Amino acid sequence: MLPGAAQNAFTWERAVELALAHHPDLRKARATLEAQAHARNVALGAYLPSATGSLSRKLARTTTSTSTDSLALGLDVEQPLFTGFQTTGKALRAWREWEAARWAYVEASADVRQTLRASFVELLRLQKLLEVDQRIAARRQDNADLIRLRYEAGREHIGSSLRARAIAEQAAFEVRQTQRRIESQSLAFGRQLGGFFMVPAFVAGDLERMVPAEPAPPGDYTTIAGRTPAVERLTRSAEALKASILSAQSALWPTATGNVNYGYSGSRASNLKDEASVGLTVSVPLFKGGRNVEGVLESNAEYRAAAEAARSARDQHLAELADRWNAFRDAWEFVAVRSAFLEAARKRSEIVRTQYTTGLSSFQEFDIAEQELADAENAYVQSLADVLLKEANWAQAQGVTLEDTQHAR
């Protein structure tokens, strides 16, 4: 991390807070969930009676008769008594669609967490890589100066000196390249924060300390797959279509509606007479050209298709869980392998450097040892980032959300 950047660095906890509050995908998912909640309440309101009030005031005049006044006040109340289970079917569907929207939000939160974590880790990797590149560039420059002195002393040829100079220039270029990549990744990170753009942006953390402890075996993949947000969402959507079957069957049943009317009418307010009526309307479907039966069959087929889609998604997630767990475990174990290669490369570089300065090894051996050390340092940083990325992918596959991360803290 650059000097002075620590106080402005984003912690992982702060990044989670900002994404929860401002990420557009989450705000969209919340608005969708709110709309489904209102739709659910609308469907439940169909169980309640409806009341309508009316007021009518008329004044009529003609050239051949006296004026006629009329005043009417009324209240109409209508209560559905039996709708062939259509009201129940619509209420159940609206409720299941609301539950599906809840799982859609959980799914969106898990996806945002994964992309945020990936962006955070990538920015942290580039910061660590910049430190490594700067060390390599300084070492390459020292090597170039050493070989130039040996050339001037007649102990090395011009080709070795030119190659060492070119390698030093390449190392300096890689430092500048990493700095530019930090700037571009800062914008990608700002997008995941919900629009908090800062160039360059810095994140707080130590890749080595962030490597998790040895991951425990996950257990039953089938159970985990059945509880993932995508599968739960598809299952609730299928249940919503199952409720639609009940609504479609209402076309085969009679319906009954009760209504009450009470009001006053007369020529003026001082001369009003009350009127009241109570009624019951029963409607029986006799023949609709088979449309009602076909509607039931259509709804049933749509439900079966949705149920199979949910089952297919569960099976797909089961296989994906196994794949992501294996990738996470492999990445975790590979960190130790890369660490061992790095330690070996450092020791070998020290030995070969000593031998080269005393004339016991050739420039080619020295050049190879230095390149192996640079490659080992870069590969070690990449392995640290990889294990955190694979961990994030494994968490997403399980449906771990930003809220889970915040509560766990």
Protein backbone atom coordinates (compact mmCIF):
# COMPACT_ATOMS: atom_id res chain seq x y z
CA MET A 1 0.00 0.00 0.00
CA LEU A 2 1.27 3.45 -0.81
CA PRO A 3 2.34 5.77 2.04
CA GLY A 4 -0.56 7.77 3.43
CA ALA A 5 -3.19 5.45 1.95
CA ALA A 6 -3.85 3.45 5.12
CA GLN A 7 -6.11 6.05 6.71
CA ASN A 8 -8.26 6.21 3.55
CA ALA A 9 -8.38 2.45 2.93
CA PHE A 10 -11.69 0.60 2.80
CA THR A 11 -12.04 -2.26 5.26
CA TRP A 12 -14.09 -5.29 4.24
CA GLU A 13 -16.71 -4.41 6.87
CA ARG A 14 -17.06 -0.87 5.51
CA ALA A 15 -17.35 -2.18 1.97
CA VAL A 16 -20.19 -4.49 3.04
CA GLU A 17 -22.03 -1.61 4.71
CA LEU A 18 -21.77 0.62 1.65
CA ALA A 19 -22.88 -2.14 -0.74
CA LEU A 20 -25.89 -2.98 1.43
CA ALA A 21 -27.01 0.63 1.48
CA HIS A 22 -26.23 1.76 -2.05
CA HIS A 23 -25.74 -1.11 -4.52
CA PRO A 24 -28.34 -0.66 -7.30
CA ASP A 25 -28.96 -4.39 -7.71
CA LEU A 26 -29.94 -4.69 -4.05
CA ARG A 27 -32.07 -1.56 -4.15
CA LYS A 28 -33.86 -2.96 -7.19
CA ALA A 29 -34.43 -6.30 -5.44
CA ARG A 30 -35.82 -4.51 -2.38
CA ALA A 31 -38.22 -2.47 -4.52
CA THR A 32 -39.38 -5.62 -6.29
CA LEU A 33 -39.95 -7.31 -2.94
CA GLU A 34 -41.93 -4.30 -1.72
CA ALA A 35 -44.10 -4.39 -4.86
CA GLN A 36 -44.80 -8.10 -4.31
CA ALA A 37 -45.76 -7.38 -0.70
CA HIS A 38 -48.33 -4.84 -1.90
CA ALA A 39 -49.62 -7.32 -4.50
CA ARG A 40 -50.01 -9.92 -1.74
CA ASN A 41 -52.04 -7.47 0.36
CA VAL A 42 -54.22 -6.65 -2.64
CA ALA A 43 -54.99 -10.35 -3.11
CA LEU A 44 -55.85 -10.80 0.58
CA GLY A 45 -58.16 -7.79 0.38
CA ALA A 46 -60.44 -9.75 -1.95
CA TYR A 47 -61.77 -11.65 1.08
CA LEU A 48 -63.24 -8.45 2.54
CA PRO A 49 -66.51 -6.80 1.51
CA SER A 50 -66.57 -3.74 -0.71
CA ALA A 51 -68.72 -0.71 0.13
CA THR A 52 -69.71 2.12 -2.19
CA GLY A 53 -71.50 5.31 -1.21
CA SER A 54 -73.53 7.43 -3.64
CA LEU A 55 -75.12 10.88 -3.66
CA SER A 56 -77.34 12.12 -6.46
CA ARG A 57 -78.94 15.59 -6.71
CA LYS A 58 -81.02 16.49 -9.75
CA LEU A 59 -83.02 19.57 -10.76
CA ALA A 60 -85.16 19.35 -13.91
CA ARG A 61 -87.15 22.18 -15.57
CA THR A 62 -89.23 22.34 -18.76
CA THR A 63 -91.17 25.14 -20.44
CA THR A 64 -94.52 23.40 -19.95
CA SER A 65 -94.24 22.06 -16.41
CA THR A 66 -92.98 23.01 -13.03
CA SER A 67 -89.49 22.13 -11.88
CA THR A 68 -88.79 18.70 -10.41
CA ASP A 69 -86.19 18.14 -7.74
CA SER A 70 -84.72 14.78 -6.63
CA LEU A 71 -82.22 13.78 -4.00
CA ALA A 72 -80.85 10.28 -3.36
CA LEU A 73 -78.39 8.91 -0.88
CA GLY A 74 -77.24 5.29 -0.96
CA LEU A 75 -74.81 2.74 0.42
CA ASP A 76 -74.08 -0.49 -1.46
CA VAL A 77 -72.19 -3.33 0.23
CA GLU A 78 -71.11 -6.42 -1.68
CA GLN A 79 -69.57 -9.53 -0.14
CA PRO A 80 -68.29 -12.47 -2.17
CA LEU A 81 -69.57 -15.58 -0.43
CA PHE A 82 -68.15 -18.26 -2.70
CA THR A 83 -65.92 -17.67 -5.72
CA GLY A 84 -65.16 -21.26 -6.57
CA PHE A 85 -61.89 -20.94 -4.59
CA GLN A 86 -60.65 -18.28 -7.02
CA THR A 87 -59.97 -15.81 -4.21
CA THR A 88 -58.06 -18.43 -2.25
CA GLY A 89 -56.06 -19.43 -5.31
CA LYS A 90 -55.11 -15.84 -6.10
CA ALA A 91 -54.19 -15.17 -2.46
CA LEU A 92 -52.00 -18.27 -2.31
CA ARG A 93 -50.30 -17.36 -5.59
CA ALA A 94 -49.63 -13.81 -4.44
CA TRP A 95 -48.20 -15.13 -1.18
CA ARG A 96 -45.90 -17.59 -2.97
CA GLU A 97 -44.78 -14.90 -5.41
CA TRP A 98 -43.91 -12.69 -2.46
CA GLU A 99 -41.86 -15.54 -0.97
CA ALA A 100 -40.16 -16.03 -4.35
CA ALA A 101 -39.30 -12.31 -4.36
CA ARG A 102 -37.80 -12.68 -0.89
CA TRP A 103 -35.55 -15.48 -2.14
CA ALA A 104 -34.75 -13.42 -5.23
CA TYR A 105 -33.46 -10.72 -2.91
CA VAL A 106 -31.36 -13.28 -1.00
CA GLU A 107 -30.00 -14.50 -4.33
CA ALA A 108 -29.16 -10.95 -5.39
CA SER A 109 -27.44 -10.28 -2.06
CA ALA A 110 -25.34 -13.45 -2.42
CA ASP A 111 -24.35 -12.45 -5.96
CA VAL A 112 -23.41 -8.93 -4.89
CA ARG A 113 -21.36 -10.30 -2.00
CA GLN A 114 -19.43 -12.53 -4.38
CA THR A 115 -18.68 -9.74 -6.87
CA LEU A 116 -17.82 -7.32 -4.06
CA ARG A 117 -15.49 -9.84 -2.44
CA ALA A 118 -13.86 -10.64 -5.77
CA SER A 119 -13.32 -6.94 -6.49
CA PHE A 120 -12.00 -6.33 -2.97
CA VAL A 121 -9.56 -9.25 -3.17
CA GLU A 122 -8.39 -8.26 -6.65
CA LEU A 123 -7.61 -4.73 -5.47
CA LEU A 124 -5.81 -6.15 -2.45
CA ARG A 125 -3.86 -8.51 -4.72
CA LEU A 126 -2.78 -5.64 -6.94
CA GLN A 127 -1.63 -3.66 -3.91
CA LYS A 128 0.43 -6.63 -2.76
CA LEU A 129 1.66 -7.20 -6.29
CA LEU A 130 2.80 -3.58 -6.48
CA GLU A 131 4.96 -4.09 -3.41
CA VAL A 132 6.42 -7.25 -4.96
CA ASP A 133 7.00 -5.54 -8.31
CA GLN A 134 8.77 -2.65 -6.61
CA ARG A 135 11.09 -5.07 -4.78
CA ILE A 136 11.76 -6.97 -7.99
CA ALA A 137 12.42 -3.74 -9.90
CA ALA A 138 14.91 -2.60 -7.24
CA ARG A 139 16.62 -5.99 -7.31
CA ARG A 140 16.72 -6.01 -11.11
CA GLN A 141 18.28 -2.56 -11.10
CA ASP A 142 20.94 -3.71 -8.64
CA ASN A 143 21.61 -6.73 -10.86
CA ALA A 144 21.95 -4.52 -13.93
CA ASP A 145 24.43 -2.27 -12.11
CA LEU A 146 26.40 -5.29 -10.89
CA ILE A 147 26.64 -6.84 -14.33
CA ARG A 148 27.56 -3.49 -15.89
CA LEU A 149 30.46 -3.19 -13.46
CA ARG A 150 31.54 -6.73 -14.22
CA TYR A 151 31.37 -5.93 -17.94
CA GLU A 152 33.45 -2.79 -17.49
CA ALA A 153 35.96 -4.87 -15.54
CA GLY A 154 36.14 -7.35 -18.39
CA ARG A 155 34.52 -10.22 -16.44
CA GLU A 156 31.22 -10.25 -18.39
CA HIS A 157 30.35 -9.71 -22.02
CA ILE A 158 28.17 -6.96 -23.51
CA GLY A 159 25.24 -9.31 -24.20
CA SER A 160 24.79 -10.08 -20.50
CA SER A 161 24.91 -6.41 -19.60
CA LEU A 162 22.33 -5.47 -22.24
CA ARG A 163 20.03 -8.30 -21.16
CA ALA A 164 20.26 -7.27 -17.51
CA ARG A 165 19.45 -3.68 -18.50
CA ALA A 166 16.43 -4.82 -20.54
CA ILE A 167 15.18 -6.97 -17.66
CA ALA A 168 15.49 -3.96 -15.31
CA GLU A 169 13.46 -1.83 -17.73
CA GLN A 170 10.83 -4.53 -17.96
CA ALA A 171 10.59 -4.69 -14.16
CA ALA A 172 10.14 -0.92 -14.00
CA PHE A 173 7.43 -1.16 -16.65
CA GLU A 174 5.60 -3.82 -14.62
CA VAL A 175 5.54 -1.44 -11.65
CA ARG A 176 3.87 1.25 -13.77
CA GLN A 177 1.54 -1.33 -15.30
CA THR A 178 0.38 -2.52 -11.88
CA GLN A 179 -0.22 1.09 -10.80
CA ARG A 180 -2.47 1.63 -13.81
CA ARG A 181 -4.30 -1.63 -13.10
CA ILE A 182 -4.94 -0.43 -9.55
CA GLU A 183 -6.59 2.68 -10.99
CA SER A 184 -8.89 0.72 -13.30
CA GLN A 185 -9.71 -1.82 -10.59
CA SER A 186 -10.54 1.06 -8.25
CA LEU A 187 -13.40 2.02 -10.56
CA ALA A 188 -14.65 -1.57 -10.68
CA PHE A 189 -14.51 -1.68 -6.88
CA GLY A 190 -16.38 1.63 -6.63
CA ARG A 191 -19.15 0.21 -8.78
CA GLN A 192 -19.57 -2.70 -6.37
CA LEU A 193 -19.73 -0.24 -3.46
CA GLY A 194 -22.76 1.35 -5.07
CA GLY A 195 -21.12 4.32 -6.76
CA PHE A 196 -18.32 5.35 -4.37
CA PHE A 197 -15.60 6.00 -6.92
CA MET A 198 -12.07 6.92 -5.85
CA VAL A 199 -8.98 6.73 -8.04
CA PRO A 200 -6.88 5.19 -6.78
CA ALA A 201 -8.85 3.37 -4.09
CA PHE A 202 -7.13 1.33 -1.41
CA VAL A 203 -8.38 -1.55 0.71
CA ALA A 204 -7.15 -2.65 4.10
CA GLY A 205 -6.02 -6.17 4.74
CA ASP A 206 -3.19 -8.68 4.64
CA LEU A 207 -3.58 -11.49 2.13
CA GLU A 208 -1.59 -13.95 4.24
CA ARG A 209 -3.61 -13.24 7.39
CA MET A 210 -6.89 -13.42 5.47
CA VAL A 211 -6.28 -17.00 4.32
CA PRO A 212 -8.88 -19.05 6.23
CA ALA A 213 -8.17 -21.98 8.49
CA GLU A 214 -8.40 -25.45 7.02
CA PRO A 215 -11.95 -25.73 5.62
CA ALA A 216 -14.12 -28.46 7.08
CA PRO A 217 -15.92 -30.91 4.75
CA PRO A 218 -19.30 -29.50 3.69
CA GLY A 219 -21.49 -32.51 4.48
CA ASP A 220 -24.59 -33.43 2.45
CA TYR A 221 -24.56 -31.61 -0.89
CA THR A 222 -28.21 -32.50 -1.54
CA THR A 223 -29.40 -30.72 1.59
CA ILE A 224 -27.26 -27.66 0.88
CA ALA A 225 -28.41 -27.51 -2.75
CA GLY A 226 -32.07 -27.62 -1.71
CA ARG A 227 -31.57 -24.57 0.50
CA THR A 228 -29.75 -22.34 -1.98
CA PRO A 229 -31.56 -19.09 -2.88
CA ALA A 230 -31.99 -19.89 -6.59
CA VAL A 231 -33.57 -23.28 -5.87
CA GLU A 232 -35.80 -21.84 -3.14
CA ARG A 233 -36.91 -19.06 -5.51
CA LEU A 234 -37.78 -21.52 -8.29
CA THR A 235 -39.58 -23.76 -5.80
CA ARG A 236 -41.75 -20.88 -4.58
CA SER A 237 -42.47 -19.86 -8.17
CA ALA A 238 -43.61 -23.41 -8.89
CA GLU A 239 -45.84 -23.34 -5.81
CA ALA A 240 -47.34 -20.07 -7.07
CA LEU A 241 -48.28 -21.80 -10.32
CA LYS A 242 -49.74 -24.67 -8.31
CA ALA A 243 -52.03 -22.15 -6.62
CA SER A 244 -53.03 -20.96 -10.09
CA ILE A 245 -54.56 -24.39 -10.68
CA LEU A 246 -57.00 -23.65 -7.86
CA SER A 247 -57.88 -20.33 -9.47
CA ALA A 248 -58.38 -21.98 -12.86
CA GLN A 249 -60.70 -24.58 -11.33
CA SER A 250 -62.99 -21.80 -10.12
CA ALA A 251 -64.32 -21.56 -13.67
CA LEU A 252 -65.95 -24.97 -13.09
CA TRP A 253 -67.69 -23.98 -9.85
CA PRO A 254 -70.76 -21.80 -9.22
CA THR A 255 -70.24 -18.45 -7.54
CA ALA A 256 -72.33 -16.68 -4.91
CA THR A 257 -72.30 -13.00 -4.00
CA GLY A 258 -74.35 -11.24 -1.35
CA ASN A 259 -75.23 -7.56 -1.58
CA VAL A 260 -77.00 -5.06 0.65
CA ASN A 261 -78.34 -1.67 -0.41
CA TYR A 262 -79.63 1.00 1.90
CA GLY A 263 -80.48 4.56 0.99
CA TYR A 264 -82.81 7.56 1.01
CA SER A 265 -84.56 9.28 -1.86
CA GLY A 266 -87.03 12.13 -2.27
CA SER A 267 -87.61 15.55 -3.78
CA ARG A 268 -85.71 17.40 -1.05
CA ALA A 269 -83.72 16.72 2.10
CA SER A 270 -86.77 17.26 4.34
CA ASN A 271 -88.85 14.76 2.38
CA LEU A 272 -86.67 11.64 2.12
CA LYS A 273 -87.86 8.06 2.31
CA ASP A 274 -85.60 5.20 3.19
CA GLU A 275 -85.12 2.17 0.95
CA ALA A 276 -83.36 -1.10 1.71
CA SER A 277 -82.69 -4.32 -0.16
CA VAL A 278 -80.81 -7.55 0.46
CA GLY A 279 -79.85 -9.83 -2.42
CA LEU A 280 -78.00 -13.01 -3.25
CA THR A 281 -76.62 -13.65 -6.72
CA VAL A 282 -75.69 -17.18 -7.74
CA SER A 283 -74.00 -17.84 -11.06
CA VAL A 284 -73.57 -21.36 -12.46
CA PRO A 285 -71.28 -22.03 -15.46
CA LEU A 286 -73.10 -24.34 -17.85
CA PHE A 287 -71.04 -24.34 -21.03
CA LYS A 288 -68.04 -22.25 -22.08
CA GLY A 289 -66.82 -24.14 -25.08
CA GLY A 290 -64.32 -26.12 -23.02
CA ARG A 291 -62.30 -23.01 -22.14
CA ASN A 292 -62.66 -23.61 -18.42
CA VAL A 293 -61.43 -27.21 -18.65
CA GLU A 294 -58.53 -26.28 -20.93
CA GLY A 295 -57.57 -23.49 -18.53
CA VAL A 296 -57.24 -26.02 -15.71
CA LEU A 297 -55.12 -28.32 -17.88
CA GLU A 298 -52.92 -25.40 -18.97
CA SER A 299 -52.29 -24.33 -15.38
CA ASN A 300 -51.49 -27.90 -14.40
CA ALA A 301 -48.94 -28.22 -17.22
CA GLU A 302 -47.31 -24.89 -16.28
CA TYR A 303 -46.95 -26.09 -12.69
CA ARG A 304 -45.32 -29.36 -13.75
CA ALA A 305 -42.87 -27.47 -15.97
CA ALA A 306 -41.95 -25.09 -13.14
CA ALA A 307 -41.52 -27.95 -10.67
CA GLU A 308 -39.15 -29.73 -13.05
CA ALA A 309 -37.21 -26.50 -13.56
CA ALA A 310 -36.74 -26.25 -9.78
CA ARG A 311 -35.60 -29.87 -9.60
CA SER A 312 -33.19 -29.32 -12.49
CA ALA A 313 -31.75 -26.26 -10.76
CA ARG A 314 -31.28 -28.23 -7.54
CA ASP A 315 -29.37 -30.98 -9.37
CA GLN A 316 -27.26 -28.39 -11.18
CA HIS A 317 -26.44 -26.63 -7.92
CA LEU A 318 -25.55 -29.93 -6.32
CA ALA A 319 -22.87 -30.56 -8.95
CA GLU A 320 -21.74 -26.92 -8.78
CA LEU A 321 -21.37 -27.11 -5.00
CA ALA A 322 -19.05 -30.08 -5.29
CA ASP A 323 -17.00 -28.34 -7.97
CA ARG A 324 -16.64 -25.12 -6.00
CA TRP A 325 -15.78 -26.93 -2.79
CA ASN A 326 -13.03 -28.86 -4.55
CA ALA A 327 -11.69 -25.66 -6.10
CA PHE A 328 -11.68 -23.97 -2.68
CA ARG A 329 -9.90 -26.89 -1.02
CA ASP A 330 -7.36 -27.15 -3.85
CA ALA A 331 -6.60 -23.42 -3.67
CA TRP A 332 -6.18 -23.60 0.11
CA GLU A 333 -3.73 -26.49 -0.12
CA PHE A 334 -1.85 -24.91 -3.03
CA VAL A 335 -0.87 -21.91 -0.90
CA ALA A 336 1.53 -24.15 1.06
CA VAL A 337 2.97 -25.47 -2.21
CA ARG A 338 3.60 -21.97 -3.54
CA SER A 339 5.09 -20.93 -0.21
CA ALA A 340 7.54 -23.84 -0.39
CA PHE A 341 8.55 -22.91 -3.94
CA LEU A 342 9.06 -19.29 -2.85
CA GLU A 343 11.29 -20.31 0.05
CA ALA A 344 13.31 -22.57 -2.22
CA ALA A 345 13.65 -19.83 -4.85
CA ARG A 346 14.88 -17.34 -2.23
CA LYS A 347 17.51 -19.73 -0.90
CA ARG A 348 18.64 -20.68 -4.39
CA SER A 349 18.81 -17.02 -5.44
CA GLU A 350 20.99 -16.17 -2.42
CA ILE A 351 23.36 -19.05 -3.14
CA VAL A 352 23.63 -18.38 -6.88
CA ARG A 353 24.11 -14.63 -6.30
CA THR A 354 27.01 -15.35 -3.95
CA GLN A 355 28.50 -17.83 -6.40
CA TYR A 356 28.10 -15.38 -9.30
CA THR A 357 29.82 -12.52 -7.51
CA THR A 358 32.75 -14.84 -6.72
CA GLY A 359 32.88 -16.24 -10.23
CA LEU A 360 31.66 -19.75 -9.32
CA SER A 361 28.51 -19.62 -11.50
CA SER A 362 27.69 -18.24 -14.93
CA PHE A 363 25.43 -15.35 -15.88
CA GLN A 364 22.91 -17.84 -17.29
CA GLU A 365 22.59 -19.59 -13.93
CA PHE A 366 22.31 -16.25 -12.16
CA ASP A 367 19.68 -15.03 -14.65
CA ILE A 368 17.60 -18.21 -14.26
CA ALA A 369 17.73 -18.07 -10.47
CA GLU A 370 16.62 -14.43 -10.44
CA GLN A 371 13.75 -15.15 -12.85
CA GLU A 372 12.63 -18.13 -10.78
CA LEU A 373 12.55 -15.93 -7.67
CA ALA A 374 10.48 -13.25 -9.40
CA ASP A 375 8.08 -15.87 -10.78
CA ALA A 376 7.78 -17.53 -7.35
CA GLU A 377 6.98 -14.20 -5.65
CA ASN A 378 4.26 -13.39 -8.18
CA ALA A 379 2.83 -16.91 -8.06
CA TYR A 380 2.66 -16.83 -4.26
CA VAL A 381 0.68 -13.59 -4.29
CA GLN A 382 -1.67 -15.07 -6.88
CA SER A 383 -2.19 -18.22 -4.78
CA LEU A 384 -3.16 -16.10 -1.77
CA ALA A 385 -5.72 -14.22 -3.84
CA ASP A 386 -6.98 -17.43 -5.44
CA VAL A 387 -7.89 -19.05 -2.14
CA LEU A 388 -9.92 -15.99 -1.12
CA LEU A 389 -11.67 -15.90 -4.51
CA LYS A 390 -12.49 -19.61 -4.36
CA GLU A 391 -13.77 -19.14 -0.83
CA ALA A 392 -16.07 -16.35 -2.10
CA ASN A 393 -17.32 -18.60 -4.90
CA TRP A 394 -18.01 -21.39 -2.42
CA ALA A 395 -19.90 -18.96 -0.17
CA GLN A 396 -22.00 -17.76 -3.12
CA ALA A 397 -22.87 -21.32 -4.07
CA GLN A 398 -24.23 -21.83 -0.54
CA GLY A 399 -26.17 -18.56 -0.65
CA VAL A 400 -24.13 -16.57 1.90
CA THR A 401 -25.37 -12.97 1.74
CA LEU A 402 -24.06 -9.55 2.69
CA GLU A 403 -26.44 -9.61 5.65
CA ASP A 404 -24.94 -12.91 6.83
CA THR A 405 -21.48 -11.35 6.61
CA GLN A 406 -22.58 -8.30 8.57
CA HIS A 407 -24.27 -10.34 11.29
CA ALA A 408 -21.32 -12.72 11.55
CA ARG A 409 -19.10 -9.74 12.30
